[in-house]
Amino acid sequence: RAETQPGIFLTVANPYTCLLVLGFQNDSNTLVAYLPNATATGDSVNIIGPQMPSNAWVHVAFTWSTENRAKLYTSSYLQGASGEASILNNARGDHNSSPMTITLGKYNGAANCEGIQGISTSQTFMGSLDEMFVFARELQESELIKLANQPRRIERAVVPRTKNQLTYYS
């Protein structure tokens, strides 16, 4: 649930490279997925989603696979995709083995995750995050619909819900 200002709500990075940034662009609450160095030629990819409503809960999902590449969803509806995002692990050289960290909210790490104009990792996300899921595979649209509409009753827990799900935070 976003308020009315730009900010980052999720960053995946290690100290050397940035993998994924999700946030809101400018003051329009436009949802953006930014993938630095995600193409075979080292170019970055931006997926621009819709303008998000202020003070309303919206289910946001990002998926990636070698077959379908990068996709951005809101409330289980596809909002944008990029077939060019062929490399999700964009670590270069000796930095391949450095583990990635998921940061919720403002990113304070050493990697340069700045990219698309109007979205800055130095801006604090103003809003609320209710739940976060991380899966070890790409979810299909039918699974995203189920997740978006499934009532939850777990609070303050880390619970594996399926064998392909890495973690669950509520």
N, C-alpha and C. Protein backbone atom coordinates (compact mmCIF):
# COMPACT_ATOMS: atom_id res chain seq x y z
N ARG A 1 0.87 -1.16 0.00
CA ARG A 1 0.00 0.00 0.00
C ARG A 1 0.90 1.21 0.00
N ALA A 2 0.91 1.93 -1.09
CA ALA A 2 1.79 3.09 -1.23
C ALA A 2 1.07 4.38 -0.89
N GLU A 3 1.86 5.33 -0.42
CA GLU A 3 1.34 6.68 -0.26
C GLU A 3 1.69 7.45 -1.53
N THR A 4 1.78 8.75 -1.49
CA THR A 4 1.92 9.52 -2.73
C THR A 4 3.31 10.11 -2.91
N GLN A 5 4.34 9.29 -2.87
CA GLN A 5 5.68 9.77 -3.18
C GLN A 5 6.53 8.62 -3.67
N PRO A 6 7.61 8.91 -4.40
CA PRO A 6 8.43 7.83 -4.93
C PRO A 6 9.20 7.13 -3.82
N GLY A 7 9.66 5.95 -4.10
CA GLY A 7 10.47 5.21 -3.13
C GLY A 7 10.64 3.77 -3.54
N ILE A 8 11.67 3.14 -3.00
CA ILE A 8 12.00 1.75 -3.29
C ILE A 8 11.42 0.86 -2.19
N PHE A 9 10.75 -0.23 -2.58
CA PHE A 9 10.27 -1.15 -1.55
C PHE A 9 10.98 -2.49 -1.57
N LEU A 10 11.76 -2.80 -2.62
CA LEU A 10 12.51 -4.05 -2.63
C LEU A 10 13.75 -3.90 -3.51
N THR A 11 14.89 -4.34 -2.97
CA THR A 11 16.14 -4.37 -3.73
C THR A 11 16.80 -5.73 -3.49
N VAL A 12 17.30 -6.33 -4.56
CA VAL A 12 18.08 -7.56 -4.46
C VAL A 12 19.48 -7.22 -4.96
N ALA A 13 20.48 -7.34 -4.07
CA ALA A 13 21.84 -6.93 -4.43
C ALA A 13 22.85 -7.63 -3.54
N ASN A 14 24.11 -7.56 -3.95
CA ASN A 14 25.22 -7.90 -3.07
C ASN A 14 26.12 -6.67 -3.04
N PRO A 15 27.24 -6.67 -2.35
CA PRO A 15 28.05 -5.45 -2.28
C PRO A 15 28.61 -4.98 -3.62
N TYR A 16 28.56 -5.82 -4.66
CA TYR A 16 29.19 -5.49 -5.93
C TYR A 16 28.22 -5.17 -7.05
N THR A 17 27.04 -5.75 -7.01
CA THR A 17 26.12 -5.60 -8.12
C THR A 17 24.68 -5.62 -7.65
N CYS A 18 23.85 -4.97 -8.41
CA CYS A 18 22.42 -4.90 -8.12
C CYS A 18 21.69 -5.80 -9.10
N LEU A 19 20.76 -6.60 -8.62
CA LEU A 19 20.05 -7.56 -9.45
C LEU A 19 18.66 -7.07 -9.83
N LEU A 20 17.92 -6.52 -8.88
CA LEU A 20 16.54 -6.10 -9.11
C LEU A 20 16.17 -4.99 -8.15
N VAL A 21 15.45 -4.00 -8.66
CA VAL A 21 14.90 -2.92 -7.83
C VAL A 21 13.43 -2.80 -8.18
N LEU A 22 12.55 -2.82 -7.16
CA LEU A 22 11.12 -2.57 -7.34
C LEU A 22 10.76 -1.33 -6.55
N GLY A 23 10.03 -0.42 -7.17
CA GLY A 23 9.66 0.79 -6.46
C GLY A 23 8.68 1.63 -7.25
N PHE A 24 8.49 2.86 -6.77
CA PHE A 24 7.56 3.79 -7.38
C PHE A 24 8.33 4.98 -7.93
N GLN A 25 7.98 5.37 -9.15
CA GLN A 25 8.68 6.42 -9.87
C GLN A 25 8.01 7.77 -9.66
N ASN A 26 8.83 8.79 -9.44
CA ASN A 26 8.37 10.17 -9.30
C ASN A 26 7.22 10.29 -8.30
N ASP A 27 6.40 11.30 -8.45
CA ASP A 27 5.27 11.49 -7.55
C ASP A 27 3.98 10.89 -8.11
N SER A 28 4.08 10.14 -9.19
CA SER A 28 2.89 9.57 -9.83
C SER A 28 2.54 8.19 -9.32
N ASN A 29 3.35 7.63 -8.41
CA ASN A 29 3.14 6.27 -7.91
C ASN A 29 3.16 5.23 -9.02
N THR A 30 3.96 5.45 -10.06
CA THR A 30 4.09 4.49 -11.15
C THR A 30 5.02 3.37 -10.71
N LEU A 31 4.53 2.14 -10.78
CA LEU A 31 5.30 0.97 -10.38
C LEU A 31 6.38 0.68 -11.43
N VAL A 32 7.60 0.41 -10.97
CA VAL A 32 8.72 0.16 -11.87
C VAL A 32 9.53 -1.04 -11.37
N ALA A 33 9.90 -1.92 -12.29
CA ALA A 33 10.90 -2.96 -12.02
C ALA A 33 12.13 -2.60 -12.83
N TYR A 34 13.27 -2.48 -12.16
CA TYR A 34 14.52 -2.10 -12.81
C TYR A 34 15.52 -3.24 -12.64
N LEU A 35 16.06 -3.73 -13.75
CA LEU A 35 17.03 -4.82 -13.74
C LEU A 35 18.33 -4.35 -14.39
N PRO A 36 19.32 -3.95 -13.60
CA PRO A 36 20.59 -3.48 -14.16
C PRO A 36 21.34 -4.61 -14.87
N ASN A 37 21.98 -4.29 -15.98
CA ASN A 37 22.84 -5.25 -16.71
C ASN A 37 22.15 -6.58 -17.00
N ALA A 38 20.88 -6.54 -17.35
CA ALA A 38 20.10 -7.77 -17.47
C ALA A 38 20.08 -8.37 -18.87
N THR A 39 20.71 -7.72 -19.84
CA THR A 39 20.71 -8.26 -21.20
C THR A 39 22.06 -8.87 -21.53
N ALA A 40 22.11 -9.61 -22.61
CA ALA A 40 23.36 -10.24 -23.03
C ALA A 40 24.44 -9.21 -23.35
N THR A 41 24.04 -7.99 -23.71
CA THR A 41 25.00 -6.93 -24.02
C THR A 41 25.31 -6.05 -22.82
N GLY A 42 24.72 -6.36 -21.66
CA GLY A 42 24.99 -5.60 -20.44
C GLY A 42 24.09 -4.40 -20.24
N ASP A 43 23.06 -4.25 -21.08
CA ASP A 43 22.12 -3.14 -20.91
C ASP A 43 21.15 -3.43 -19.77
N SER A 44 20.60 -2.37 -19.23
CA SER A 44 19.59 -2.49 -18.17
C SER A 44 18.21 -2.59 -18.78
N VAL A 45 17.28 -3.14 -18.02
CA VAL A 45 15.90 -3.30 -18.45
C VAL A 45 14.99 -2.62 -17.44
N ASN A 46 14.03 -1.85 -17.94
CA ASN A 46 13.02 -1.22 -17.11
C ASN A 46 11.66 -1.75 -17.54
N ILE A 47 10.88 -2.20 -16.59
CA ILE A 47 9.49 -2.57 -16.88
C ILE A 47 8.62 -1.58 -16.13
N ILE A 48 7.88 -0.79 -16.87
CA ILE A 48 7.04 0.25 -16.29
C ILE A 48 5.64 -0.31 -16.13
N GLY A 49 5.17 -0.31 -14.91
CA GLY A 49 3.83 -0.80 -14.60
C GLY A 49 2.83 0.34 -14.56
N PRO A 50 1.70 0.11 -13.93
CA PRO A 50 0.65 1.12 -13.87
C PRO A 50 0.90 2.14 -12.77
N GLN A 51 0.11 3.19 -12.81
CA GLN A 51 0.08 4.14 -11.69
C GLN A 51 -0.71 3.46 -10.59
N MET A 52 -0.10 3.36 -9.41
CA MET A 52 -0.73 2.63 -8.32
C MET A 52 -1.61 3.56 -7.50
N PRO A 53 -2.74 3.06 -7.01
CA PRO A 53 -3.61 3.90 -6.18
C PRO A 53 -2.96 4.17 -4.82
N SER A 54 -3.19 5.34 -4.29
CA SER A 54 -2.67 5.68 -2.96
C SER A 54 -3.55 5.06 -1.89
N ASN A 55 -2.91 4.61 -0.81
CA ASN A 55 -3.61 4.08 0.36
C ASN A 55 -4.58 2.95 0.03
N ALA A 56 -4.21 2.08 -0.91
CA ALA A 56 -5.01 0.91 -1.25
C ALA A 56 -4.07 -0.29 -1.37
N TRP A 57 -4.50 -1.45 -0.88
CA TRP A 57 -3.68 -2.64 -0.96
C TRP A 57 -3.69 -3.18 -2.39
N VAL A 58 -2.50 -3.49 -2.90
CA VAL A 58 -2.36 -4.06 -4.24
C VAL A 58 -1.33 -5.19 -4.16
N HIS A 59 -1.65 -6.31 -4.76
CA HIS A 59 -0.73 -7.45 -4.82
C HIS A 59 0.24 -7.20 -5.98
N VAL A 60 1.54 -7.14 -5.70
CA VAL A 60 2.57 -6.93 -6.71
C VAL A 60 3.40 -8.20 -6.82
N ALA A 61 3.64 -8.65 -8.06
CA ALA A 61 4.47 -9.84 -8.27
C ALA A 61 5.45 -9.58 -9.41
N PHE A 62 6.65 -10.12 -9.25
CA PHE A 62 7.66 -10.08 -10.29
C PHE A 62 8.12 -11.51 -10.51
N THR A 63 8.15 -11.95 -11.77
CA THR A 63 8.62 -13.29 -12.08
C THR A 63 9.72 -13.21 -13.13
N TRP A 64 10.57 -14.22 -13.12
CA TRP A 64 11.61 -14.33 -14.14
C TRP A 64 11.94 -15.79 -14.36
N SER A 65 12.15 -16.14 -15.62
CA SER A 65 12.64 -17.48 -15.97
C SER A 65 13.43 -17.35 -17.27
N THR A 66 14.25 -18.35 -17.56
CA THR A 66 15.02 -18.31 -18.81
C THR A 66 14.10 -18.39 -20.02
N GLU A 67 12.96 -19.04 -19.87
CA GLU A 67 12.02 -19.18 -20.98
C GLU A 67 11.16 -17.93 -21.17
N ASN A 68 10.57 -17.42 -20.10
CA ASN A 68 9.61 -16.31 -20.20
C ASN A 68 10.19 -14.95 -19.86
N ARG A 69 11.40 -14.91 -19.33
CA ARG A 69 12.11 -13.69 -18.97
C ARG A 69 11.37 -12.94 -17.86
N ALA A 70 11.44 -11.60 -17.86
CA ALA A 70 10.93 -10.80 -16.74
C ALA A 70 9.47 -10.38 -16.98
N LYS A 71 8.66 -10.50 -15.92
CA LYS A 71 7.25 -10.09 -15.98
C LYS A 71 6.88 -9.38 -14.69
N LEU A 72 6.05 -8.36 -14.80
CA LEU A 72 5.58 -7.58 -13.65
C LEU A 72 4.06 -7.64 -13.62
N TYR A 73 3.51 -7.99 -12.46
CA TYR A 73 2.07 -8.15 -12.28
C TYR A 73 1.57 -7.26 -11.14
N THR A 74 0.31 -6.83 -11.25
CA THR A 74 -0.40 -6.24 -10.11
C THR A 74 -1.74 -6.94 -10.02
N SER A 75 -2.08 -7.37 -8.82
CA SER A 75 -3.33 -8.09 -8.56
C SER A 75 -3.55 -9.20 -9.58
N SER A 76 -2.49 -9.92 -9.90
CA SER A 76 -2.42 -11.07 -10.80
C SER A 76 -2.62 -10.73 -12.27
N TYR A 77 -2.64 -9.45 -12.65
CA TYR A 77 -2.74 -9.04 -14.05
C TYR A 77 -1.37 -8.62 -14.57
N LEU A 78 -0.99 -9.16 -15.72
CA LEU A 78 0.29 -8.80 -16.32
C LEU A 78 0.28 -7.33 -16.71
N GLN A 79 1.26 -6.58 -16.20
CA GLN A 79 1.34 -5.14 -16.47
C GLN A 79 2.48 -4.79 -17.41
N GLY A 80 3.46 -5.65 -17.51
CA GLY A 80 4.58 -5.40 -18.39
C GLY A 80 5.52 -6.59 -18.40
N ALA A 81 6.28 -6.71 -19.48
CA ALA A 81 7.22 -7.81 -19.62
C ALA A 81 8.40 -7.36 -20.46
N SER A 82 9.50 -8.07 -20.33
CA SER A 82 10.67 -7.79 -21.15
C SER A 82 11.32 -9.10 -21.56
N GLY A 83 11.27 -9.39 -22.83
CA GLY A 83 11.95 -10.56 -23.36
C GLY A 83 13.45 -10.36 -23.44
N GLU A 84 13.90 -9.12 -23.27
CA GLU A 84 15.33 -8.82 -23.35
C GLU A 84 16.07 -9.16 -22.06
N ALA A 85 15.36 -9.31 -20.96
CA ALA A 85 16.00 -9.58 -19.66
C ALA A 85 16.44 -11.03 -19.60
N SER A 86 17.52 -11.35 -20.30
CA SER A 86 17.97 -12.73 -20.43
C SER A 86 18.89 -13.19 -19.31
N ILE A 87 19.42 -12.24 -18.52
CA ILE A 87 20.38 -12.57 -17.47
C ILE A 87 19.86 -12.01 -16.15
N LEU A 88 19.43 -12.87 -15.25
CA LEU A 88 18.99 -12.36 -13.95
C LEU A 88 20.15 -12.29 -12.98
N ASN A 89 21.08 -13.23 -13.04
CA ASN A 89 22.27 -13.14 -12.19
C ASN A 89 23.31 -12.34 -12.95
N ASN A 90 23.36 -11.04 -12.71
CA ASN A 90 24.23 -10.17 -13.50
C ASN A 90 25.59 -9.94 -12.85
N ALA A 91 25.97 -10.76 -11.88
CA ALA A 91 27.28 -10.59 -11.25
C ALA A 91 28.38 -10.84 -12.28
N ARG A 92 29.44 -10.07 -12.18
CA ARG A 92 30.53 -10.16 -13.14
C ARG A 92 31.83 -10.58 -12.43
N GLY A 93 32.67 -11.31 -13.14
CA GLY A 93 34.01 -11.61 -12.64
C GLY A 93 34.01 -12.40 -11.35
N ASP A 94 34.82 -11.95 -10.39
CA ASP A 94 35.00 -12.65 -9.13
C ASP A 94 33.83 -12.49 -8.16
N HIS A 95 32.84 -11.70 -8.52
CA HIS A 95 31.76 -11.39 -7.60
C HIS A 95 30.56 -12.34 -7.74
N ASN A 96 30.70 -13.37 -8.58
CA ASN A 96 29.60 -14.30 -8.81
C ASN A 96 29.19 -15.03 -7.54
N SER A 97 30.13 -15.30 -6.65
CA SER A 97 29.83 -16.12 -5.48
C SER A 97 29.31 -15.31 -4.29
N SER A 98 29.29 -14.00 -4.40
CA SER A 98 28.78 -13.19 -3.29
C SER A 98 27.27 -13.36 -3.20
N PRO A 99 26.74 -13.73 -2.04
CA PRO A 99 25.30 -13.95 -1.92
C PRO A 99 24.52 -12.65 -2.09
N MET A 100 23.33 -12.79 -2.65
CA MET A 100 22.43 -11.65 -2.82
C MET A 100 21.62 -11.47 -1.54
N THR A 101 21.30 -10.23 -1.23
CA THR A 101 20.49 -9.89 -0.07
C THR A 101 19.23 -9.18 -0.54
N ILE A 102 18.10 -9.55 0.03
CA ILE A 102 16.84 -8.86 -0.26
C ILE A 102 16.67 -7.77 0.80
N THR A 103 16.51 -6.55 0.34
CA THR A 103 16.28 -5.42 1.25
C THR A 103 14.87 -4.90 1.02
N LEU A 104 14.09 -4.83 2.09
CA LEU A 104 12.76 -4.23 2.02
C LEU A 104 12.88 -2.79 2.49
N GLY A 105 12.40 -1.87 1.69
CA GLY A 105 12.51 -0.45 2.04
C GLY A 105 13.75 0.16 1.43
N LYS A 106 14.23 1.22 2.03
CA LYS A 106 15.37 1.98 1.51
C LYS A 106 16.63 1.12 1.45
N TYR A 107 17.32 1.16 0.31
CA TYR A 107 18.54 0.39 0.11
C TYR A 107 19.74 1.21 0.57
N ASN A 108 20.56 0.65 1.46
CA ASN A 108 21.75 1.33 1.97
C ASN A 108 23.03 0.57 1.65
N GLY A 109 22.99 -0.34 0.69
CA GLY A 109 24.16 -1.15 0.39
C GLY A 109 25.20 -0.44 -0.45
N ALA A 110 26.29 -1.16 -0.73
CA ALA A 110 27.42 -0.58 -1.45
C ALA A 110 27.26 -0.60 -2.97
N ALA A 111 26.44 -1.49 -3.51
CA ALA A 111 26.28 -1.58 -4.96
C ALA A 111 25.55 -0.36 -5.50
N ASN A 112 25.87 0.03 -6.71
CA ASN A 112 25.18 1.14 -7.36
C ASN A 112 23.91 0.60 -8.02
N CYS A 113 22.77 0.82 -7.40
CA CYS A 113 21.50 0.33 -7.91
C CYS A 113 20.69 1.43 -8.59
N GLU A 114 21.27 2.60 -8.76
CA GLU A 114 20.55 3.70 -9.41
C GLU A 114 20.37 3.37 -10.88
N GLY A 115 19.28 3.84 -11.44
CA GLY A 115 19.07 3.54 -12.85
C GLY A 115 18.05 4.44 -13.48
N ILE A 116 16.85 3.94 -13.61
CA ILE A 116 15.80 4.64 -14.33
C ILE A 116 15.53 6.00 -13.70
N GLN A 117 15.34 6.97 -14.55
CA GLN A 117 15.07 8.33 -14.08
C GLN A 117 13.78 8.35 -13.27
N GLY A 118 13.84 9.02 -12.12
CA GLY A 118 12.66 9.16 -11.29
C GLY A 118 12.50 8.09 -10.23
N ILE A 119 13.39 7.11 -10.20
CA ILE A 119 13.35 6.10 -9.15
C ILE A 119 14.73 6.07 -8.50
N SER A 120 14.76 6.29 -7.22
CA SER A 120 16.02 6.42 -6.51
C SER A 120 16.05 5.50 -5.30
N THR A 121 17.13 4.75 -5.17
CA THR A 121 17.26 3.86 -4.02
C THR A 121 17.49 4.63 -2.73
N SER A 122 17.77 5.91 -2.83
CA SER A 122 17.98 6.71 -1.61
C SER A 122 16.66 7.23 -1.05
N GLN A 123 15.57 7.04 -1.78
CA GLN A 123 14.27 7.51 -1.30
C GLN A 123 13.58 6.42 -0.50
N THR A 124 13.10 6.78 0.65
CA THR A 124 12.43 5.85 1.53
C THR A 124 11.01 5.58 1.05
N PHE A 125 10.63 4.32 1.00
CA PHE A 125 9.26 3.94 0.64
C PHE A 125 8.32 4.38 1.74
N MET A 126 7.28 5.08 1.37
CA MET A 126 6.26 5.51 2.31
C MET A 126 5.01 4.69 2.04
N GLY A 127 4.74 3.75 2.90
CA GLY A 127 3.59 2.87 2.72
C GLY A 127 3.75 1.66 3.60
N SER A 128 3.03 0.61 3.28
CA SER A 128 3.05 -0.61 4.09
C SER A 128 3.25 -1.82 3.20
N LEU A 129 4.00 -2.80 3.70
CA LEU A 129 4.13 -4.10 3.06
C LEU A 129 3.50 -5.11 4.00
N ASP A 130 2.59 -5.91 3.48
CA ASP A 130 1.88 -6.86 4.32
C ASP A 130 2.54 -8.23 4.30
N GLU A 131 2.88 -8.72 3.13
CA GLU A 131 3.46 -10.06 3.02
C GLU A 131 4.50 -10.06 1.91
N MET A 132 5.42 -11.01 2.02
CA MET A 132 6.42 -11.19 0.98
C MET A 132 6.67 -12.67 0.80
N PHE A 133 6.66 -13.11 -0.45
CA PHE A 133 6.96 -14.49 -0.79
C PHE A 133 8.17 -14.50 -1.72
N VAL A 134 9.05 -15.48 -1.56
CA VAL A 134 10.16 -15.71 -2.47
C VAL A 134 10.10 -17.18 -2.87
N PHE A 135 10.04 -17.44 -4.17
CA PHE A 135 9.95 -18.80 -4.68
C PHE A 135 11.20 -19.15 -5.46
N ALA A 136 11.51 -20.43 -5.55
CA ALA A 136 12.68 -20.91 -6.28
C ALA A 136 12.36 -21.19 -7.75
N ARG A 137 11.18 -20.83 -8.19
CA ARG A 137 10.77 -21.03 -9.58
C ARG A 137 9.79 -19.94 -9.97
N GLU A 138 9.56 -19.82 -11.27
CA GLU A 138 8.58 -18.86 -11.77
C GLU A 138 7.17 -19.38 -11.48
N LEU A 139 6.32 -18.52 -10.93
CA LEU A 139 4.92 -18.90 -10.73
C LEU A 139 4.13 -18.62 -12.00
N GLN A 140 3.14 -19.46 -12.24
CA GLN A 140 2.24 -19.25 -13.38
C GLN A 140 1.14 -18.28 -12.97
N GLU A 141 0.45 -17.71 -13.96
CA GLU A 141 -0.59 -16.72 -13.67
C GLU A 141 -1.68 -17.30 -12.77
N SER A 142 -2.04 -18.57 -12.96
CA SER A 142 -3.07 -19.17 -12.11
C SER A 142 -2.62 -19.22 -10.65
N GLU A 143 -1.33 -19.44 -10.41
CA GLU A 143 -0.80 -19.46 -9.05
C GLU A 143 -0.77 -18.05 -8.45
N LEU A 144 -0.48 -17.05 -9.28
CA LEU A 144 -0.50 -15.66 -8.80
C LEU A 144 -1.91 -15.24 -8.41
N ILE A 145 -2.90 -15.67 -9.19
CA ILE A 145 -4.30 -15.36 -8.86
C ILE A 145 -4.66 -15.98 -7.52
N LYS A 146 -4.26 -17.22 -7.31
CA LYS A 146 -4.56 -17.90 -6.04
C LYS A 146 -3.89 -17.19 -4.87
N LEU A 147 -2.63 -16.79 -5.02
CA LEU A 147 -1.94 -16.07 -3.94
C LEU A 147 -2.58 -14.72 -3.65
N ALA A 148 -2.99 -14.02 -4.70
CA ALA A 148 -3.57 -12.69 -4.52
C ALA A 148 -4.92 -12.75 -3.81
N ASN A 149 -5.63 -13.86 -3.97
CA ASN A 149 -6.98 -13.96 -3.41
C ASN A 149 -7.08 -14.86 -2.19
N GLN A 150 -5.98 -15.46 -1.77
CA GLN A 150 -6.00 -16.40 -0.65
C GLN A 150 -5.93 -15.65 0.68
N PRO A 151 -6.89 -15.89 1.58
CA PRO A 151 -6.82 -15.25 2.90
C PRO A 151 -5.67 -15.83 3.72
N ARG A 152 -5.04 -15.00 4.52
CA ARG A 152 -3.91 -15.42 5.35
C ARG A 152 -4.25 -15.27 6.83
N ARG A 153 -3.75 -16.18 7.64
CA ARG A 153 -3.98 -16.07 9.08
C ARG A 153 -2.68 -16.23 9.86
N ILE A 154 -1.55 -16.27 9.19
CA ILE A 154 -0.26 -16.42 9.86
C ILE A 154 0.31 -15.04 10.16
N GLU A 155 0.77 -14.83 11.37
CA GLU A 155 1.37 -13.56 11.74
C GLU A 155 2.76 -13.79 12.32
N ARG A 156 3.69 -12.90 11.96
CA ARG A 156 5.05 -12.92 12.50
C ARG A 156 5.67 -14.32 12.48
N ALA A 157 5.69 -14.92 11.30
CA ALA A 157 6.22 -16.27 11.20
C ALA A 157 7.05 -16.42 9.94
N VAL A 158 7.94 -17.37 9.97
CA VAL A 158 8.65 -17.81 8.78
C VAL A 158 8.24 -19.26 8.59
N VAL A 159 7.40 -19.49 7.60
CA VAL A 159 6.78 -20.79 7.42
C VAL A 159 6.90 -21.23 5.97
N PRO A 160 7.56 -22.35 5.68
CA PRO A 160 7.55 -22.85 4.31
C PRO A 160 6.15 -23.34 3.96
N ARG A 161 5.55 -22.77 2.92
CA ARG A 161 4.19 -23.13 2.55
C ARG A 161 4.15 -24.17 1.44
N THR A 162 5.17 -24.22 0.60
CA THR A 162 5.25 -25.24 -0.44
C THR A 162 6.71 -25.66 -0.57
N LYS A 163 6.94 -26.75 -1.25
CA LYS A 163 8.32 -27.23 -1.36
C LYS A 163 9.18 -26.32 -2.22
N ASN A 164 8.60 -25.54 -3.13
CA ASN A 164 9.38 -24.64 -3.98
C ASN A 164 9.48 -23.23 -3.42
N GLN A 165 8.85 -22.98 -2.31
CA GLN A 165 8.90 -21.65 -1.72
C GLN A 165 10.09 -21.57 -0.78
N LEU A 166 10.91 -20.55 -0.95
CA LEU A 166 12.08 -20.41 -0.11
C LEU A 166 11.73 -19.88 1.27
N THR A 167 11.00 -18.76 1.33
CA THR A 167 10.62 -18.18 2.62
C THR A 167 9.27 -17.49 2.51
N TYR A 168 8.66 -17.30 3.66
CA TYR A 168 7.39 -16.59 3.74
C TYR A 168 7.46 -15.66 4.93
N TYR A 169 7.20 -14.39 4.71
CA TYR A 169 7.20 -13.40 5.80
C TYR A 169 5.82 -12.77 5.87
N SER A 170 5.28 -12.66 7.05
CA SER A 170 3.99 -12.01 7.22
C SER A 170 4.04 -11.12 8.43
